[in-house]
Amino acid sequence: MIQSLHQVMLYVENLEQSVAFWQEQLGFKIVNQQELPEGYQSFEMAPATINADQTSIVLFDKAFIKKFSPEVSLETPSLMFKTADVDALYNDLKAKGVTVGEKLEMPGMKVFNFADTEGNYFAVSELN
């Protein structure tokens, strides 16, 4: 029986740049770093406030996936993060130079999207 979603894999072109983005711009921490064949690495990243039941993301170099798991789709998943204060996070990311979309108020939530250094967009919501 499945109990929860444990990890989401993100495949990136520039692993070092992506790790820096998630750390410096979003305040994520490295939970685990794994050495892979042929000098490749992966980095498990999570919000600094993660607890044992939360989902983390694992960054892999696309070149590694293409070589060792060519059947795997390299598409970026659509992720929705949660925050307690959309306005503060939006302003913080914008001040750091992160590309952010327009803030929207929808029934029961505020939401906006942001782009990583490779142009992949992710969303953030605050539930009312």
C-alpha atoms as a PDB file:
ATOM      1  CA  MET A   1       0.000   0.000   0.000  1.00  0.00           C
ATOM      2  CA  ILE A   2       1.314   3.467  -0.892  1.00  0.00           C
ATOM      3  CA  GLN A   3       1.615   5.691   2.173  1.00  0.00           C
ATOM      4  CA  SER A   4       2.789   9.015   0.708  1.00  0.00           C
ATOM      5  CA  LEU A   5       4.704  10.735  -2.074  1.00  0.00           C
ATOM      6  CA  HIS A   6       8.317  10.546  -0.930  1.00  0.00           C
ATOM      7  CA  GLN A   7      10.370  12.307  -3.630  1.00  0.00           C
ATOM      8  CA  VAL A   8       9.987  14.102  -6.945  1.00  0.00           C
ATOM      9  CA  MET A   9      12.803  13.786  -9.463  1.00  0.00           C
ATOM     10  CA  LEU A  10      13.843  16.909 -11.401  1.00  0.00           C
ATOM     11  CA  TYR A  11      16.168  16.439 -14.349  1.00  0.00           C
ATOM     12  CA  VAL A  12      18.278  19.508 -15.099  1.00  0.00           C
ATOM     13  CA  GLU A  13      20.863  20.596 -17.637  1.00  0.00           C
ATOM     14  CA  ASN A  14      23.181  22.302 -15.131  1.00  0.00           C
ATOM     15  CA  LEU A  15      23.162  20.470 -11.802  1.00  0.00           C
ATOM     16  CA  GLU A  16      25.495  22.871  -9.959  1.00  0.00           C
ATOM     17  CA  GLN A  17      23.486  25.915 -11.030  1.00  0.00           C
ATOM     18  CA  SER A  18      20.200  24.238 -10.093  1.00  0.00           C
ATOM     19  CA  VAL A  19      21.422  23.241  -6.632  1.00  0.00           C
ATOM     20  CA  ALA A  20      22.556  26.835  -6.050  1.00  0.00           C
ATOM     21  CA  PHE A  21      19.157  28.175  -7.195  1.00  0.00           C
ATOM     22  CA  TRP A  22      17.166  25.964  -4.826  1.00  0.00           C
ATOM     23  CA  GLN A  23      19.519  26.798  -1.938  1.00  0.00           C
ATOM     24  CA  GLU A  24      20.155  30.491  -2.445  1.00  0.00           C
ATOM     25  CA  GLN A  25      16.877  31.678  -3.931  1.00  0.00           C
ATOM     26  CA  LEU A  26      14.389  29.378  -2.185  1.00  0.00           C
ATOM     27  CA  GLY A  27      16.189  28.509   1.048  1.00  0.00           C
ATOM     28  CA  PHE A  28      16.159  24.759   0.466  1.00  0.00           C
ATOM     29  CA  LYS A  29      18.796  22.617   2.122  1.00  0.00           C
ATOM     30  CA  ILE A  30      20.669  19.591   0.829  1.00  0.00           C
ATOM     31  CA  VAL A  31      19.206  16.575   2.606  1.00  0.00           C
ATOM     32  CA  ASN A  32      21.404  14.040   0.834  1.00  0.00           C
ATOM     33  CA  GLN A  33      24.085  14.031  -1.831  1.00  0.00           C
ATOM     34  CA  GLN A  34      24.712  10.804  -3.690  1.00  0.00           C
ATOM     35  CA  GLU A  35      27.676   9.800  -5.833  1.00  0.00           C
ATOM     36  CA  LEU A  36      26.522   8.085  -9.023  1.00  0.00           C
ATOM     37  CA  PRO A  37      28.414   6.123 -11.710  1.00  0.00           C
ATOM     38  CA  GLU A  38      30.940   7.922 -13.911  1.00  0.00           C
ATOM     39  CA  GLY A  39      31.298  10.921 -11.602  1.00  0.00           C
ATOM     40  CA  TYR A  40      27.655  11.999 -11.729  1.00  0.00           C
ATOM     41  CA  GLN A  41      25.883  13.157  -8.569  1.00  0.00           C
ATOM     42  CA  SER A  42      22.354  13.714  -7.345  1.00  0.00           C
ATOM     43  CA  PHE A  43      21.151  16.118  -4.669  1.00  0.00           C
ATOM     44  CA  GLU A  44      18.073  15.633  -2.519  1.00  0.00           C
ATOM     45  CA  MET A  45      16.726  19.098  -1.671  1.00  0.00           C
ATOM     46  CA  ALA A  46      13.992  20.140   0.730  1.00  0.00           C
ATOM     47  CA  PRO A  47      12.657  23.250   2.433  1.00  0.00           C
ATOM     48  CA  ALA A  48      14.688  24.097   5.542  1.00  0.00           C
ATOM     49  CA  THR A  49      11.611  23.320   7.653  1.00  0.00           C
ATOM     50  CA  ILE A  50      11.023  19.820   6.240  1.00  0.00           C
ATOM     51  CA  ASN A  51       9.789  17.061   8.498  1.00  0.00           C
ATOM     52  CA  ALA A  52       9.959  13.310   7.929  1.00  0.00           C
ATOM     53  CA  ASP A  53       6.536  13.143   6.236  1.00  0.00           C
ATOM     54  CA  GLN A  54       7.160  15.821   3.598  1.00  0.00           C
ATOM     55  CA  THR A  55       8.136  15.282  -0.010  1.00  0.00           C
ATOM     56  CA  SER A  56      11.616  16.288  -1.154  1.00  0.00           C
ATOM     57  CA  ILE A  57      12.972  16.890  -4.647  1.00  0.00           C
ATOM     58  CA  VAL A  58      15.996  15.125  -6.094  1.00  0.00           C
ATOM     59  CA  LEU A  59      18.033  16.910  -8.751  1.00  0.00           C
ATOM     60  CA  PHE A  60      19.697  14.757 -11.396  1.00  0.00           C
ATOM     61  CA  ASP A  61      21.776  15.749 -14.390  1.00  0.00           C
ATOM     62  CA  LYS A  62      19.769  15.072 -17.575  1.00  0.00           C
ATOM     63  CA  ALA A  63      22.888  13.616 -19.173  1.00  0.00           C
ATOM     64  CA  PHE A  64      22.991  10.918 -16.475  1.00  0.00           C
ATOM     65  CA  ILE A  65      19.328  10.014 -17.011  1.00  0.00           C
ATOM     66  CA  LYS A  66      19.734   9.948 -20.806  1.00  0.00           C
ATOM     67  CA  LYS A  67      22.681   7.569 -20.466  1.00  0.00           C
ATOM     68  CA  PHE A  68      21.505   5.251 -17.692  1.00  0.00           C
ATOM     69  CA  SER A  69      17.689   5.446 -17.985  1.00  0.00           C
ATOM     70  CA  PRO A  70      16.895   6.494 -21.560  1.00  0.00           C
ATOM     71  CA  GLU A  71      13.288   5.293 -21.216  1.00  0.00           C
ATOM     72  CA  VAL A  72      12.548   7.920 -18.523  1.00  0.00           C
ATOM     73  CA  SER A  73      10.765  11.110 -19.580  1.00  0.00           C
ATOM     74  CA  LEU A  74      12.893  14.200 -19.065  1.00  0.00           C
ATOM     75  CA  GLU A  75       9.890  16.528 -18.842  1.00  0.00           C
ATOM     76  CA  THR A  76       9.691  18.782 -15.791  1.00  0.00           C
ATOM     77  CA  PRO A  77       6.742  17.934 -13.546  1.00  0.00           C
ATOM     78  CA  SER A  78       4.245  20.600 -12.589  1.00  0.00           C
ATOM     79  CA  LEU A  79       4.838  21.240  -8.892  1.00  0.00           C
ATOM     80  CA  MET A  80       2.755  23.308  -6.458  1.00  0.00           C
ATOM     81  CA  PHE A  81       4.495  24.413  -3.284  1.00  0.00           C
ATOM     82  CA  LYS A  82       2.725  25.746  -0.187  1.00  0.00           C
ATOM     83  CA  THR A  83       3.606  28.839   1.851  1.00  0.00           C
ATOM     84  CA  ALA A  84       2.093  30.625   4.831  1.00  0.00           C
ATOM     85  CA  ASP A  85       2.642  34.075   3.241  1.00  0.00           C
ATOM     86  CA  VAL A  86       2.471  34.365  -0.551  1.00  0.00           C
ATOM     87  CA  ASP A  87       3.019  38.126  -0.522  1.00  0.00           C
ATOM     88  CA  ALA A  88       6.254  37.918   1.484  1.00  0.00           C
ATOM     89  CA  LEU A  89       7.633  35.047  -0.612  1.00  0.00           C
ATOM     90  CA  TYR A  90       6.669  36.773  -3.857  1.00  0.00           C
ATOM     91  CA  ASN A  91       8.432  39.979  -2.784  1.00  0.00           C
ATOM     92  CA  ASP A  92      11.490  38.066  -1.572  1.00  0.00           C
ATOM     93  CA  LEU A  93      11.890  36.106  -4.821  1.00  0.00           C
ATOM     94  CA  LYS A  94      11.333  39.215  -6.913  1.00  0.00           C
ATOM     95  CA  ALA A  95      13.971  41.111  -4.896  1.00  0.00           C
ATOM     96  CA  LYS A  96      16.417  38.243  -5.521  1.00  0.00           C
ATOM     97  CA  GLY A  97      15.875  38.557  -9.279  1.00  0.00           C
ATOM     98  CA  VAL A  98      13.852  35.360  -9.682  1.00  0.00           C
ATOM     99  CA  THR A  99      11.371  35.446 -12.559  1.00  0.00           C
ATOM    100  CA  VAL A 100       7.912  35.486 -11.003  1.00  0.00           C
ATOM    101  CA  GLY A 101       4.465  35.525 -12.594  1.00  0.00           C
ATOM    102  CA  GLU A 102       1.520  37.629 -11.569  1.00  0.00           C
ATOM    103  CA  LYS A 103       0.004  36.970  -8.145  1.00  0.00           C
ATOM    104  CA  LEU A 104      -3.557  35.732  -8.461  1.00  0.00           C
ATOM    105  CA  GLU A 105      -6.332  35.486  -5.917  1.00  0.00           C
ATOM    106  CA  MET A 106      -8.570  32.530  -6.543  1.00  0.00           C
ATOM    107  CA  PRO A 107     -11.372  31.165  -4.386  1.00  0.00           C
ATOM    108  CA  GLY A 108      -9.696  29.889  -1.240  1.00  0.00           C
ATOM    109  CA  MET A 109      -6.106  30.685  -2.253  1.00  0.00           C
ATOM    110  CA  LYS A 110      -3.475  33.132  -3.448  1.00  0.00           C
ATOM    111  CA  VAL A 111      -1.019  31.783  -6.007  1.00  0.00           C
ATOM    112  CA  PHE A 112       1.899  32.772  -8.252  1.00  0.00           C
ATOM    113  CA  ASN A 113       4.496  30.973 -10.311  1.00  0.00           C
ATOM    114  CA  PHE A 114       8.272  31.322 -10.540  1.00  0.00           C
ATOM    115  CA  ALA A 115      10.943  30.081 -12.912  1.00  0.00           C
ATOM    116  CA  ASP A 116      14.204  28.342 -12.099  1.00  0.00           C
ATOM    117  CA  THR A 117      17.448  29.141 -13.928  1.00  0.00           C
ATOM    118  CA  GLU A 118      16.498  26.770 -16.770  1.00  0.00           C
ATOM    119  CA  GLY A 119      13.083  28.324 -17.417  1.00  0.00           C
ATOM    120  CA  ASN A 120      11.048  25.627 -15.663  1.00  0.00           C
ATOM    121  CA  TYR A 121       8.001  27.073 -13.923  1.00  0.00           C
ATOM    122  CA  PHE A 122       6.655  26.026 -10.542  1.00  0.00           C
ATOM    123  CA  ALA A 123       3.724  27.387  -8.532  1.00  0.00           C
ATOM    124  CA  VAL A 124       3.316  28.496  -4.922  1.00  0.00           C
ATOM    125  CA  SER A 125       0.016  28.823  -3.072  1.00  0.00           C
ATOM    126  CA  GLU A 126      -1.274  30.125   0.214  1.00  0.00           C
ATOM    127  CA  LEU A 127      -4.526  28.561   1.262  1.00  0.00           C
ATOM    128  CA  ASN A 128      -7.069  30.816   2.941  1.00  0.00           C
END
